[in-house]
C-alpha atoms as a PDB file:
ATOM      1  CA  UNK A   1      26.453 -12.712  16.848  1.00  0.00           C
ATOM      2  CA  UNK A   2      24.325 -12.354  13.720  1.00  0.00           C
ATOM      3  CA  UNK A   3      23.934 -14.609  10.681  1.00  0.00           C
ATOM      4  CA  UNK A   4      22.312 -13.501   7.383  1.00  0.00           C
ATOM      5  CA  UNK A   5      21.389 -15.350   4.199  1.00  0.00           C
ATOM      6  CA  UNK A   6      18.965 -14.912   1.305  1.00  0.00           C
ATOM      7  CA  UNK A   7      16.769 -17.945   0.682  1.00  0.00           C
ATOM      8  CA  UNK A   8      16.606 -17.304  -3.075  1.00  0.00           C
ATOM      9  CA  UNK A   9      20.304 -17.984  -3.706  1.00  0.00           C
ATOM     10  CA  UNK A  10      20.736 -20.801  -6.202  1.00  0.00           C
ATOM     11  CA  UNK A  11      23.481 -22.433  -4.189  1.00  0.00           C
ATOM     12  CA  UNK A  12      21.002 -22.887  -1.326  1.00  0.00           C
ATOM     13  CA  UNK A  13      18.252 -24.532  -3.373  1.00  0.00           C
ATOM     14  CA  UNK A  14      18.855 -27.925  -1.754  1.00  0.00           C
ATOM     15  CA  UNK A  15      19.052 -26.546   1.795  1.00  0.00           C
ATOM     16  CA  UNK A  16      16.090 -25.629   3.980  1.00  0.00           C
ATOM     17  CA  UNK A  17      16.115 -22.579   6.282  1.00  0.00           C
ATOM     18  CA  UNK A  18      15.908 -25.035   9.160  1.00  0.00           C
ATOM     19  CA  UNK A  19      19.156 -26.790   8.222  1.00  0.00           C
ATOM     20  CA  UNK A  20      21.011 -23.525   7.581  1.00  0.00           C
ATOM     21  CA  UNK A  21      19.967 -21.899  10.859  1.00  0.00           C
ATOM     22  CA  UNK A  22      20.695 -25.054  12.858  1.00  0.00           C
ATOM     23  CA  UNK A  23      24.167 -25.267  11.334  1.00  0.00           C
ATOM     24  CA  UNK A  24      24.823 -21.588  12.090  1.00  0.00           C
ATOM     25  CA  UNK A  25      23.553 -21.999  15.664  1.00  0.00           C
ATOM     26  CA  UNK A  26      25.979 -24.863  16.240  1.00  0.00           C
ATOM     27  CA  UNK A  27      28.755 -22.512  15.178  1.00  0.00           C
ATOM     28  CA  UNK A  28      27.915 -19.880  17.765  1.00  0.00           C
ATOM     29  CA  UNK A  29      25.467 -17.560  16.001  1.00  0.00           C
ATOM     30  CA  UNK A  30      22.496 -16.380  18.072  1.00  0.00           C
ATOM     31  CA  UNK A  31      20.454 -14.082  15.780  1.00  0.00           C
ATOM     32  CA  UNK A  32      19.382 -15.062  12.274  1.00  0.00           C
ATOM     33  CA  UNK A  33      18.192 -12.901   9.373  1.00  0.00           C
ATOM     34  CA  UNK A  34      16.592 -14.554   6.330  1.00  0.00           C
ATOM     35  CA  UNK A  35      15.684 -12.554   3.212  1.00  0.00           C
ATOM     36  CA  UNK A  36      13.324 -13.663   0.393  1.00  0.00           C
ATOM     37  CA  UNK A  37      11.864 -16.285   2.718  1.00  0.00           C
ATOM     38  CA  UNK A  38       9.027 -17.116   0.310  1.00  0.00           C
ATOM     39  CA  UNK A  39      11.560 -18.647  -2.096  1.00  0.00           C
ATOM     40  CA  UNK A  40      11.855 -21.674   0.177  1.00  0.00           C
ATOM     41  CA  UNK A  41       8.993 -24.144  -0.205  1.00  0.00           C
ATOM     42  CA  UNK A  42       9.212 -25.367   3.394  1.00  0.00           C
ATOM     43  CA  UNK A  43       9.920 -22.083   5.168  1.00  0.00           C
ATOM     44  CA  UNK A  44       6.846 -22.230   7.406  1.00  0.00           C
ATOM     45  CA  UNK A  45       7.643 -25.662   8.790  1.00  0.00           C
ATOM     46  CA  UNK A  46      11.307 -24.654   9.143  1.00  0.00           C
ATOM     47  CA  UNK A  47      10.430 -21.640  11.291  1.00  0.00           C
ATOM     48  CA  UNK A  48       7.920 -23.597  13.350  1.00  0.00           C
ATOM     49  CA  UNK A  49      10.538 -26.254  14.108  1.00  0.00           C
ATOM     50  CA  UNK A  50      13.221 -23.696  14.975  1.00  0.00           C
ATOM     51  CA  UNK A  51      10.864 -21.909  17.346  1.00  0.00           C
ATOM     52  CA  UNK A  52       9.759 -25.127  19.020  1.00  0.00           C
ATOM     53  CA  UNK A  53      13.401 -26.123  19.488  1.00  0.00           C
ATOM     54  CA  UNK A  54      14.182 -22.894  21.320  1.00  0.00           C
ATOM     55  CA  UNK A  55      15.703 -20.796  18.523  1.00  0.00           C
ATOM     56  CA  UNK A  56      13.635 -17.608  18.816  1.00  0.00           C
ATOM     57  CA  UNK A  57      15.676 -14.749  17.332  1.00  0.00           C
ATOM     58  CA  UNK A  58      14.828 -15.408  13.712  1.00  0.00           C
ATOM     59  CA  UNK A  59      13.903 -12.395  11.548  1.00  0.00           C
ATOM     60  CA  UNK A  60      12.614 -12.970   8.039  1.00  0.00           C
ATOM     61  CA  UNK A  61      11.473 -10.859   5.115  1.00  0.00           C
ATOM     62  CA  UNK A  62       9.978 -11.465   1.700  1.00  0.00           C
ATOM     63  CA  UNK A  63       9.324  -9.317  -1.349  1.00  0.00           C
ATOM     64  CA  UNK A  64       6.139 -11.211  -2.217  1.00  0.00           C
ATOM     65  CA  UNK A  65       3.166 -10.209  -0.096  1.00  0.00           C
ATOM     66  CA  UNK A  66       1.180 -13.143  -1.480  1.00  0.00           C
ATOM     67  CA  UNK A  67       4.020 -15.617  -0.925  1.00  0.00           C
ATOM     68  CA  UNK A  68       4.472 -14.617   2.705  1.00  0.00           C
ATOM     69  CA  UNK A  69       0.746 -14.529   3.458  1.00  0.00           C
ATOM     70  CA  UNK A  70       0.202 -17.925   1.846  1.00  0.00           C
ATOM     71  CA  UNK A  71       2.822 -19.543   4.012  1.00  0.00           C
ATOM     72  CA  UNK A  72       2.413 -17.535   7.185  1.00  0.00           C
ATOM     73  CA  UNK A  73       0.624 -20.173   9.275  1.00  0.00           C
ATOM     74  CA  UNK A  74       2.747 -19.467  12.317  1.00  0.00           C
ATOM     75  CA  UNK A  75       0.074 -19.137  14.954  1.00  0.00           C
ATOM     76  CA  UNK A  76       1.460 -17.892  18.293  1.00  0.00           C
ATOM     77  CA  UNK A  77       4.992 -18.066  16.922  1.00  0.00           C
ATOM     78  CA  UNK A  78       5.447 -15.073  14.634  1.00  0.00           C
ATOM     79  CA  UNK A  79       4.451 -11.473  14.107  1.00  0.00           C
ATOM     80  CA  UNK A  80       4.038 -10.605  10.418  1.00  0.00           C
ATOM     81  CA  UNK A  81       4.398  -6.936   9.470  1.00  0.00           C
ATOM     82  CA  UNK A  82       3.391  -5.635   6.047  1.00  0.00           C
ATOM     83  CA  UNK A  83       5.653  -2.873   4.759  1.00  0.00           C
ATOM     84  CA  UNK A  84       3.681  -0.515   2.484  1.00  0.00           C
ATOM     85  CA  UNK A  85       5.250   2.104   0.196  1.00  0.00           C
ATOM     86  CA  UNK A  86       6.972   4.906   2.071  1.00  0.00           C
ATOM     87  CA  UNK A  87       4.756   7.555   3.613  1.00  0.00           C
ATOM     88  CA  UNK A  88       5.342  11.231   2.913  1.00  0.00           C
ATOM     89  CA  UNK A  89       7.076  11.589   6.287  1.00  0.00           C
ATOM     90  CA  UNK A  90       9.320   8.593   5.544  1.00  0.00           C
ATOM     91  CA  UNK A  91      10.089   9.968   2.085  1.00  0.00           C
ATOM     92  CA  UNK A  92      11.171  13.300   3.573  1.00  0.00           C
ATOM     93  CA  UNK A  93      13.405  11.550   6.092  1.00  0.00           C
ATOM     94  CA  UNK A  94      15.073   9.114   3.674  1.00  0.00           C
ATOM     95  CA  UNK A  95      15.309  11.180   0.486  1.00  0.00           C
ATOM     96  CA  UNK A  96      15.519  14.713   1.866  1.00  0.00           C
ATOM     97  CA  UNK A  97      17.125  14.264   5.289  1.00  0.00           C
ATOM     98  CA  UNK A  98      14.184  16.109   6.878  1.00  0.00           C
ATOM     99  CA  UNK A  99      12.912  14.571  10.103  1.00  0.00           C
ATOM    100  CA  UNK A 100       9.422  15.411  11.330  1.00  0.00           C
ATOM    101  CA  UNK A 101       7.512  14.022  14.281  1.00  0.00           C
ATOM    102  CA  UNK A 102       4.467  11.898  13.380  1.00  0.00           C
ATOM    103  CA  UNK A 103       1.054  13.403  14.071  1.00  0.00           C
ATOM    104  CA  UNK A 104      -2.254  12.032  15.263  1.00  0.00           C
ATOM    105  CA  UNK A 105      -5.547  12.914  13.614  1.00  0.00           C
ATOM    106  CA  UNK A 106      -6.389  14.897  16.741  1.00  0.00           C
ATOM    107  CA  UNK A 107      -3.178  16.906  16.284  1.00  0.00           C
ATOM    108  CA  UNK A 108      -4.055  17.679  12.678  1.00  0.00           C
ATOM    109  CA  UNK A 109      -7.633  18.725  13.416  1.00  0.00           C
ATOM    110  CA  UNK A 110      -7.052  20.708  16.609  1.00  0.00           C
ATOM    111  CA  UNK A 111      -3.522  22.062  16.156  1.00  0.00           C
ATOM    112  CA  UNK A 112      -3.365  22.712  12.419  1.00  0.00           C
ATOM    113  CA  UNK A 113      -2.594  26.427  12.830  1.00  0.00           C
ATOM    114  CA  UNK A 114       0.224  25.938  15.319  1.00  0.00           C
ATOM    115  CA  UNK A 115       1.671  23.010  13.336  1.00  0.00           C
ATOM    116  CA  UNK A 116       1.820  24.914  10.073  1.00  0.00           C
ATOM    117  CA  UNK A 117       4.977  27.026  10.631  1.00  0.00           C
ATOM    118  CA  UNK A 118       7.045  23.940  11.439  1.00  0.00           C
ATOM    119  CA  UNK A 119       5.603  21.576   8.822  1.00  0.00           C
ATOM    120  CA  UNK A 120       4.894  23.978   5.937  1.00  0.00           C
ATOM    121  CA  UNK A 121       8.431  23.806   4.403  1.00  0.00           C
ATOM    122  CA  UNK A 122       7.769  20.147   3.535  1.00  0.00           C
ATOM    123  CA  UNK A 123       4.937  21.152   1.194  1.00  0.00           C
ATOM    124  CA  UNK A 124       7.387  21.989  -1.593  1.00  0.00           C
ATOM    125  CA  UNK A 125       8.175  18.244  -1.830  1.00  0.00           C
ATOM    126  CA  UNK A 126       4.541  17.151  -2.250  1.00  0.00           C
ATOM    127  CA  UNK A 127       4.498  17.056  -6.036  1.00  0.00           C
ATOM    128  CA  UNK A 128       7.766  15.114  -6.160  1.00  0.00           C
ATOM    129  CA  UNK A 129       6.411  12.602  -3.652  1.00  0.00           C
ATOM    130  CA  UNK A 130       3.172  12.053  -5.584  1.00  0.00           C
ATOM    131  CA  UNK A 131       5.072  11.372  -8.797  1.00  0.00           C
ATOM    132  CA  UNK A 132       8.314   9.787  -7.605  1.00  0.00           C
ATOM    133  CA  UNK A 133       7.840   8.919  -3.922  1.00  0.00           C
ATOM    134  CA  UNK A 134       6.633   5.807  -2.237  1.00  0.00           C
ATOM    135  CA  UNK A 135       9.174   3.380  -3.681  1.00  0.00           C
ATOM    136  CA  UNK A 136      12.265   5.552  -3.068  1.00  0.00           C
ATOM    137  CA  UNK A 137      14.181   4.621  -6.221  1.00  0.00           C
ATOM    138  CA  UNK A 138      16.775   7.001  -7.691  1.00  0.00           C
ATOM    139  CA  UNK A 139      15.171   9.337 -10.210  1.00  0.00           C
ATOM    140  CA  UNK A 140      17.433   8.316 -13.120  1.00  0.00           C
ATOM    141  CA  UNK A 141      16.302   4.673 -12.986  1.00  0.00           C
ATOM    142  CA  UNK A 142      12.917   5.226 -11.399  1.00  0.00           C
ATOM    143  CA  UNK A 143      10.530   4.165 -14.163  1.00  0.00           C
ATOM    144  CA  UNK A 144      12.596   1.121 -15.133  1.00  0.00           C
ATOM    145  CA  UNK A 145      12.742  -0.104 -11.545  1.00  0.00           C
ATOM    146  CA  UNK A 146       9.020   0.460 -11.029  1.00  0.00           C
ATOM    147  CA  UNK A 147       8.344  -1.410 -14.268  1.00  0.00           C
ATOM    148  CA  UNK A 148      10.492  -4.319 -13.067  1.00  0.00           C
ATOM    149  CA  UNK A 149       8.589  -4.326  -9.780  1.00  0.00           C
ATOM    150  CA  UNK A 150       5.227  -4.394 -11.569  1.00  0.00           C
ATOM    151  CA  UNK A 151       6.289  -7.291 -13.789  1.00  0.00           C
ATOM    152  CA  UNK A 152       7.535  -9.185 -10.767  1.00  0.00           C
ATOM    153  CA  UNK A 153       4.239  -8.613  -8.970  1.00  0.00           C
ATOM    154  CA  UNK A 154       2.362 -10.033 -11.962  1.00  0.00           C
ATOM    155  CA  UNK A 155       4.682 -12.807 -13.146  1.00  0.00           C
ATOM    156  CA  UNK A 156       5.843 -14.026  -9.749  1.00  0.00           C
ATOM    157  CA  UNK A 157       3.540 -12.916  -6.921  1.00  0.00           C
ATOM    158  CA  UNK A 158       0.253 -13.114  -8.831  1.00  0.00           C
ATOM    159  CA  UNK A 159       1.366 -16.246 -10.675  1.00  0.00           C
ATOM    160  CA  UNK A 160       1.752 -18.019  -7.337  1.00  0.00           C
ATOM    161  CA  UNK A 161      -2.045 -18.053  -6.890  1.00  0.00           C
ATOM    162  CA  UNK A 162      -3.389 -18.099 -10.477  1.00  0.00           C
ATOM    163  CA  UNK A 163      -2.275 -18.906 -14.010  1.00  0.00           C
ATOM    164  CA  UNK A 164      -0.817 -15.840 -15.739  1.00  0.00           C
ATOM    165  CA  UNK A 165      -0.410 -15.857 -19.518  1.00  0.00           C
ATOM    166  CA  UNK A 166       0.173 -13.130 -22.085  1.00  0.00           C
ATOM    167  CA  UNK A 167      -3.544 -12.466 -22.436  1.00  0.00           C
ATOM    168  CA  UNK A 168      -4.096 -11.930 -18.724  1.00  0.00           C
ATOM    169  CA  UNK A 169      -0.992  -9.768 -18.454  1.00  0.00           C
ATOM    170  CA  UNK A 170      -2.281  -7.558 -21.280  1.00  0.00           C
ATOM    171  CA  UNK A 171      -5.679  -7.298 -19.569  1.00  0.00           C
ATOM    172  CA  UNK A 172      -4.075  -6.264 -16.294  1.00  0.00           C
ATOM    173  CA  UNK A 173      -2.117  -3.455 -17.926  1.00  0.00           C
ATOM    174  CA  UNK A 174      -5.245  -2.211 -19.728  1.00  0.00           C
ATOM    175  CA  UNK A 175      -6.956  -2.051 -16.345  1.00  0.00           C
ATOM    176  CA  UNK A 176      -4.013  -0.221 -14.799  1.00  0.00           C
ATOM    177  CA  UNK A 177      -3.968   2.421 -17.541  1.00  0.00           C
ATOM    178  CA  UNK A 178      -7.752   2.856 -17.328  1.00  0.00           C
ATOM    179  CA  UNK A 179      -7.725   3.263 -13.538  1.00  0.00           C
ATOM    180  CA  UNK A 180      -4.679   5.563 -13.423  1.00  0.00           C
ATOM    181  CA  UNK A 181      -6.057   7.965 -16.038  1.00  0.00           C
ATOM    182  CA  UNK A 182      -9.476   8.339 -14.378  1.00  0.00           C
ATOM    183  CA  UNK A 183      -9.828  11.047 -11.691  1.00  0.00           C
ATOM    184  CA  UNK A 184     -11.749   8.903  -9.198  1.00  0.00           C
ATOM    185  CA  UNK A 185     -12.308   5.345 -10.336  1.00  0.00           C
ATOM    186  CA  UNK A 186     -15.436   3.779  -8.935  1.00  0.00           C
ATOM    187  CA  UNK A 187     -15.326   0.161 -10.015  1.00  0.00           C
ATOM    188  CA  UNK A 188     -17.751  -0.824 -12.720  1.00  0.00           C
ATOM    189  CA  UNK A 189     -17.101  -4.533 -12.925  1.00  0.00           C
ATOM    190  CA  UNK A 190     -19.103  -5.009 -16.103  1.00  0.00           C
ATOM    191  CA  UNK A 191     -17.156  -2.243 -17.861  1.00  0.00           C
ATOM    192  CA  UNK A 192     -13.852  -3.572 -16.546  1.00  0.00           C
ATOM    193  CA  UNK A 193     -14.695  -7.078 -17.697  1.00  0.00           C
ATOM    194  CA  UNK A 194     -15.427  -5.671 -21.171  1.00  0.00           C
ATOM    195  CA  UNK A 195     -11.706  -4.992 -21.737  1.00  0.00           C
ATOM    196  CA  UNK A 196     -11.152  -8.755 -21.601  1.00  0.00           C
ATOM    197  CA  UNK A 197     -13.006 -11.999 -22.109  1.00  0.00           C
ATOM    198  CA  UNK A 198     -13.614 -12.272 -18.360  1.00  0.00           C
ATOM    199  CA  UNK A 199     -16.934 -12.530 -16.641  1.00  0.00           C
ATOM    200  CA  UNK A 200     -17.890 -10.014 -13.969  1.00  0.00           C
ATOM    201  CA  UNK A 201     -17.169 -12.524 -11.205  1.00  0.00           C
ATOM    202  CA  UNK A 202     -13.788 -13.382 -12.717  1.00  0.00           C
ATOM    203  CA  UNK A 203     -12.916  -9.675 -12.832  1.00  0.00           C
ATOM    204  CA  UNK A 204     -13.845  -9.272  -9.149  1.00  0.00           C
ATOM    205  CA  UNK A 205     -11.588 -12.223  -8.300  1.00  0.00           C
ATOM    206  CA  UNK A 206      -8.712 -10.754 -10.338  1.00  0.00           C
ATOM    207  CA  UNK A 207      -8.955  -7.382  -8.584  1.00  0.00           C
ATOM    208  CA  UNK A 208      -8.953  -9.151  -5.219  1.00  0.00           C
ATOM    209  CA  UNK A 209      -5.756 -10.976  -6.193  1.00  0.00           C
ATOM    210  CA  UNK A 210      -4.137  -7.726  -7.364  1.00  0.00           C
ATOM    211  CA  UNK A 211      -4.935  -6.202  -3.988  1.00  0.00           C
ATOM    212  CA  UNK A 212      -3.307  -9.196  -2.268  1.00  0.00           C
ATOM    213  CA  UNK A 213      -0.215  -8.535  -4.394  1.00  0.00           C
ATOM    214  CA  UNK A 214      -0.162  -4.961  -3.069  1.00  0.00           C
ATOM    215  CA  UNK A 215      -0.506  -3.124  -6.355  1.00  0.00           C
ATOM    216  CA  UNK A 216      -4.029  -1.715  -5.870  1.00  0.00           C
ATOM    217  CA  UNK A 217      -6.100  -0.497  -2.942  1.00  0.00           C
ATOM    218  CA  UNK A 218      -9.764  -1.450  -3.039  1.00  0.00           C
ATOM    219  CA  UNK A 219     -11.660   1.062  -0.919  1.00  0.00           C
ATOM    220  CA  UNK A 220     -15.110   0.003   0.164  1.00  0.00           C
ATOM    221  CA  UNK A 221     -17.963   2.438   0.748  1.00  0.00           C
ATOM    222  CA  UNK A 222     -18.866   3.387   4.293  1.00  0.00           C
ATOM    223  CA  UNK A 223     -22.081   1.414   4.489  1.00  0.00           C
ATOM    224  CA  UNK A 224     -23.375  -1.868   5.810  1.00  0.00           C
ATOM    225  CA  UNK A 225     -25.733  -4.689   4.955  1.00  0.00           C
ATOM    226  CA  UNK A 226     -27.719  -4.312   1.719  1.00  0.00           C
ATOM    227  CA  UNK A 227     -26.423  -0.778   1.182  1.00  0.00           C
ATOM    228  CA  UNK A 228     -22.838  -2.065   1.062  1.00  0.00           C
ATOM    229  CA  UNK A 229     -23.735  -4.930  -1.225  1.00  0.00           C
ATOM    230  CA  UNK A 230     -25.254  -2.559  -3.789  1.00  0.00           C
ATOM    231  CA  UNK A 231     -22.266  -0.200  -3.915  1.00  0.00           C
ATOM    232  CA  UNK A 232     -19.123  -1.020  -5.813  1.00  0.00           C
ATOM    233  CA  UNK A 233     -15.764   0.032  -4.350  1.00  0.00           C
ATOM    234  CA  UNK A 234     -13.315   2.627  -5.569  1.00  0.00           C
ATOM    235  CA  UNK A 235      -9.905   1.539  -6.751  1.00  0.00           C
ATOM    236  CA  UNK A 236      -6.722   3.410  -5.955  1.00  0.00           C
ATOM    237  CA  UNK A 237      -3.038   2.786  -6.449  1.00  0.00           C
ATOM    238  CA  UNK A 238      -0.389   3.204  -3.780  1.00  0.00           C
ATOM    239  CA  UNK A 239       1.834   6.206  -4.470  1.00  0.00           C
ATOM    240  CA  UNK A 240       3.465   6.479  -7.048  1.00  0.00           C
ATOM    241  CA  UNK A 241       1.811   3.958  -9.414  1.00  0.00           C
ATOM    242  CA  UNK A 242      -0.787   6.333 -10.918  1.00  0.00           C
ATOM    243  CA  UNK A 243       1.931   8.758 -11.997  1.00  0.00           C
ATOM    244  CA  UNK A 244       4.027   5.880 -13.352  1.00  0.00           C
ATOM    245  CA  UNK A 245       1.257   4.269 -15.409  1.00  0.00           C
ATOM    246  CA  UNK A 246       0.079   7.539 -16.941  1.00  0.00           C
ATOM    247  CA  UNK A 247       3.666   8.392 -17.933  1.00  0.00           C
ATOM    248  CA  UNK A 248       3.743   5.142 -19.914  1.00  0.00           C
ATOM    249  CA  UNK A 249       0.816   6.323 -22.053  1.00  0.00           C
ATOM    250  CA  UNK A 250       2.136   9.902 -22.274  1.00  0.00           C
ATOM    251  CA  UNK A 251      -0.549  11.435 -20.105  1.00  0.00           C
ATOM    252  CA  UNK A 252      -0.529  13.518 -16.964  1.00  0.00           C
ATOM    253  CA  UNK A 253      -2.066  11.839 -13.902  1.00  0.00           C
ATOM    254  CA  UNK A 254      -5.339  13.489 -12.839  1.00  0.00           C
ATOM    255  CA  UNK A 255      -4.589  15.751  -9.872  1.00  0.00           C
ATOM    256  CA  UNK A 256      -7.825  14.697  -8.202  1.00  0.00           C
ATOM    257  CA  UNK A 257      -6.685  11.075  -8.241  1.00  0.00           C
ATOM    258  CA  UNK A 258      -3.248  11.927  -6.838  1.00  0.00           C
ATOM    259  CA  UNK A 259      -4.770  13.925  -3.984  1.00  0.00           C
ATOM    260  CA  UNK A 260      -7.242  11.194  -3.072  1.00  0.00           C
ATOM    261  CA  UNK A 261      -4.554   8.508  -3.235  1.00  0.00           C
ATOM    262  CA  UNK A 262      -2.365  10.558  -0.927  1.00  0.00           C
ATOM    263  CA  UNK A 263      -5.213  10.765   1.593  1.00  0.00           C
ATOM    264  CA  UNK A 264      -6.137   7.071   1.284  1.00  0.00           C
ATOM    265  CA  UNK A 265      -2.526   5.963   1.654  1.00  0.00           C
ATOM    266  CA  UNK A 266      -2.057   7.864   4.909  1.00  0.00           C
ATOM    267  CA  UNK A 267      -5.542   7.640   6.451  1.00  0.00           C
ATOM    268  CA  UNK A 268      -5.280   3.871   6.718  1.00  0.00           C
ATOM    269  CA  UNK A 269      -8.659   2.214   7.140  1.00  0.00           C
ATOM    270  CA  UNK A 270     -10.759   5.050   5.715  1.00  0.00           C
ATOM    271  CA  UNK A 271     -13.832   4.370   3.599  1.00  0.00           C
ATOM    272  CA  UNK A 272     -15.406   6.379   0.839  1.00  0.00           C
ATOM    273  CA  UNK A 273     -18.823   7.948   1.319  1.00  0.00           C
ATOM    274  CA  UNK A 274     -21.522   7.416  -1.252  1.00  0.00           C
ATOM    275  CA  UNK A 275     -24.814   9.124  -0.641  1.00  0.00           C
ATOM    276  CA  UNK A 276     -28.235   8.279  -1.966  1.00  0.00           C
ATOM    277  CA  UNK A 277     -28.920   8.748  -5.668  1.00  0.00           C
ATOM    278  CA  UNK A 278     -28.837  12.430  -6.600  1.00  0.00           C
ATOM    279  CA  UNK A 279     -27.491  13.589  -3.239  1.00  0.00           C
ATOM    280  CA  UNK A 280     -24.048  15.047  -2.698  1.00  0.00           C
ATOM    281  CA  UNK A 281     -21.805  13.542  -0.047  1.00  0.00           C
ATOM    282  CA  UNK A 282     -18.222  13.981   1.240  1.00  0.00           C
ATOM    283  CA  UNK A 283     -15.417  11.886  -0.223  1.00  0.00           C
ATOM    284  CA  UNK A 284     -14.244   9.871   2.773  1.00  0.00           C
ATOM    285  CA  UNK A 285     -15.036   8.822   6.310  1.00  0.00           C
ATOM    286  CA  UNK A 286     -12.163   8.226   8.701  1.00  0.00           C
ATOM    287  CA  UNK A 287     -12.040   7.759  12.469  1.00  0.00           C
ATOM    288  CA  UNK A 288     -15.589   9.052  12.913  1.00  0.00           C
ATOM    289  CA  UNK A 289     -15.159  12.154  10.737  1.00  0.00           C
ATOM    290  CA  UNK A 290     -16.019  12.998   7.128  1.00  0.00           C
ATOM    291  CA  UNK A 291     -13.576  14.631   4.729  1.00  0.00           C
ATOM    292  CA  UNK A 292     -13.754  16.213   1.295  1.00  0.00           C
ATOM    293  CA  UNK A 293     -10.444  16.146  -0.599  1.00  0.00           C
ATOM    294  CA  UNK A 294      -9.660  18.572  -3.391  1.00  0.00           C
ATOM    295  CA  UNK A 295      -7.973  21.637  -4.819  1.00  0.00           C
ATOM    296  CA  UNK A 296      -8.181  25.268  -3.739  1.00  0.00           C
ATOM    297  CA  UNK A 297     -11.660  25.750  -5.223  1.00  0.00           C
ATOM    298  CA  UNK A 298     -13.275  22.951  -3.208  1.00  0.00           C
ATOM    299  CA  UNK A 299     -16.137  24.283  -1.076  1.00  0.00           C
ATOM    300  CA  UNK A 300     -18.502  22.790   1.517  1.00  0.00           C
ATOM    301  CA  UNK A 301     -21.226  21.803  -0.955  1.00  0.00           C
ATOM    302  CA  UNK A 302     -20.776  18.096  -0.172  1.00  0.00           C
ATOM    303  CA  UNK A 303     -21.293  18.740   3.545  1.00  0.00           C
ATOM    304  CA  UNK A 304     -18.031  17.418   4.996  1.00  0.00           C
ATOM    305  CA  UNK A 305     -16.882  18.089   8.536  1.00  0.00           C
ATOM    306  CA  UNK A 306     -13.463  18.975   7.117  1.00  0.00           C
ATOM    307  CA  UNK A 307     -12.155  20.045   3.733  1.00  0.00           C
ATOM    308  CA  UNK A 308      -8.741  18.557   3.019  1.00  0.00           C
ATOM    309  CA  UNK A 309      -7.285  20.959   0.494  1.00  0.00           C
ATOM    310  CA  UNK A 310      -4.054  21.144  -1.485  1.00  0.00           C
ATOM    311  CA  UNK A 311      -1.815  24.026  -0.422  1.00  0.00           C
ATOM    312  CA  UNK A 312      -0.877  25.451   2.972  1.00  0.00           C
ATOM    313  CA  UNK A 313      -3.843  27.694   3.782  1.00  0.00           C
ATOM    314  CA  UNK A 314      -5.650  27.065   7.083  1.00  0.00           C
ATOM    315  CA  UNK A 315      -9.091  28.580   7.682  1.00  0.00           C
ATOM    316  CA  UNK A 316     -12.431  27.398   9.022  1.00  0.00           C
ATOM    317  CA  UNK A 317     -12.823  23.668   8.456  1.00  0.00           C
ATOM    318  CA  UNK A 318     -10.028  23.663   5.885  1.00  0.00           C
ATOM    319  CA  UNK A 319      -6.982  21.459   6.582  1.00  0.00           C
ATOM    320  CA  UNK A 320      -3.908  21.288   4.313  1.00  0.00           C
ATOM    321  CA  UNK A 321      -3.737  17.874   2.628  1.00  0.00           C
ATOM    322  CA  UNK A 322       0.010  17.496   3.119  1.00  0.00           C
ATOM    323  CA  UNK A 323      -0.397  17.360   6.919  1.00  0.00           C
ATOM    324  CA  UNK A 324      -2.034  13.928   6.556  1.00  0.00           C
ATOM    325  CA  UNK A 325       1.312  12.692   5.262  1.00  0.00           C
ATOM    326  CA  UNK A 326       2.569  12.866   8.851  1.00  0.00           C
ATOM    327  CA  UNK A 327      -0.108  10.647  10.387  1.00  0.00           C
ATOM    328  CA  UNK A 328       1.310   8.029  12.726  1.00  0.00           C
ATOM    329  CA  UNK A 329       1.812   4.943  10.550  1.00  0.00           C
ATOM    330  CA  UNK A 330      -0.687   2.127  11.020  1.00  0.00           C
ATOM    331  CA  UNK A 331       1.747  -0.782  10.985  1.00  0.00           C
ATOM    332  CA  UNK A 332      -0.578  -3.263  12.692  1.00  0.00           C
ATOM    333  CA  UNK A 333       1.032  -6.689  12.677  1.00  0.00           C
ATOM    334  CA  UNK A 334      -0.906  -9.478  11.036  1.00  0.00           C
ATOM    335  CA  UNK A 335      -0.390 -12.183  13.612  1.00  0.00           C
ATOM    336  CA  UNK A 336      -0.216 -12.837  17.299  1.00  0.00           C
ATOM    337  CA  UNK A 337       1.726 -11.087  20.026  1.00  0.00           C
ATOM    338  CA  UNK A 338       4.423 -13.760  20.068  1.00  0.00           C
ATOM    339  CA  UNK A 339       7.610 -13.238  18.117  1.00  0.00           C
ATOM    340  CA  UNK A 340      10.047 -15.103  15.976  1.00  0.00           C
END
């Protein structure tokens, strides 16, 4: 039998997860589900003790990526999965009731023409996904719920690893608006620091913390050694934050940014390509291939192996962007192969 509780309930503030699960186990329960685990200060030691005492079917979740990662010292005892915003395929399944099989990159490259008839009807939902997907809230309350999520990320998640005051909060939102309204934001740390009283190094540390909180994606260039050190990363949002932030300042999100964020979100682990000064290069490298992402007018001038283009046309090295929304999800657990 199953037992569920949320660790953030006020009436449980004096009880540890260990005590609650042990009590439930004595009363015949065999599987235990704990939500908001990061709200308990001793949750790591509780889970370690439960595991070592033979209670193995414990499943836990937390809304704070930072809170869970900070406490997740459960070597050989737990598998930690990070749940990113919904993919395009997940969005279609949950919000539209349309179920599609996941695809591999090999499928997309080699079978794009034969896949198109089956997958093309989903293209009509692309714009909705880019602007209102990812977080799967109802449209009528969408912006308010996203806003609440952003404030929680800043005031709770981020505040768990650094001091957050009104000045820092204002700086963060200035950065968000600046990034979201720029077609392809290659970090200029000095410029970003200029919107606040921060030093360049302090700005780099802040962006790293925001990535830990899950609100930005920092995409490093595909380079190594000194080349990598001299190239600043690009900054993207998970879908649908760019559309949300630009709506708050009464702007339209740049289509180029939305397309690139769609690709980055689904081609997990890709890097951006930055050629030598004055030389054109493709946008991204992924799984040993180079890709240029863009609209219908995008040509081969940058020299990519594949052009990833908005729309449903397939020809030559052109692949419809929306097909990447069906890539098999990379849900690699951050932990060992043991389980709690």
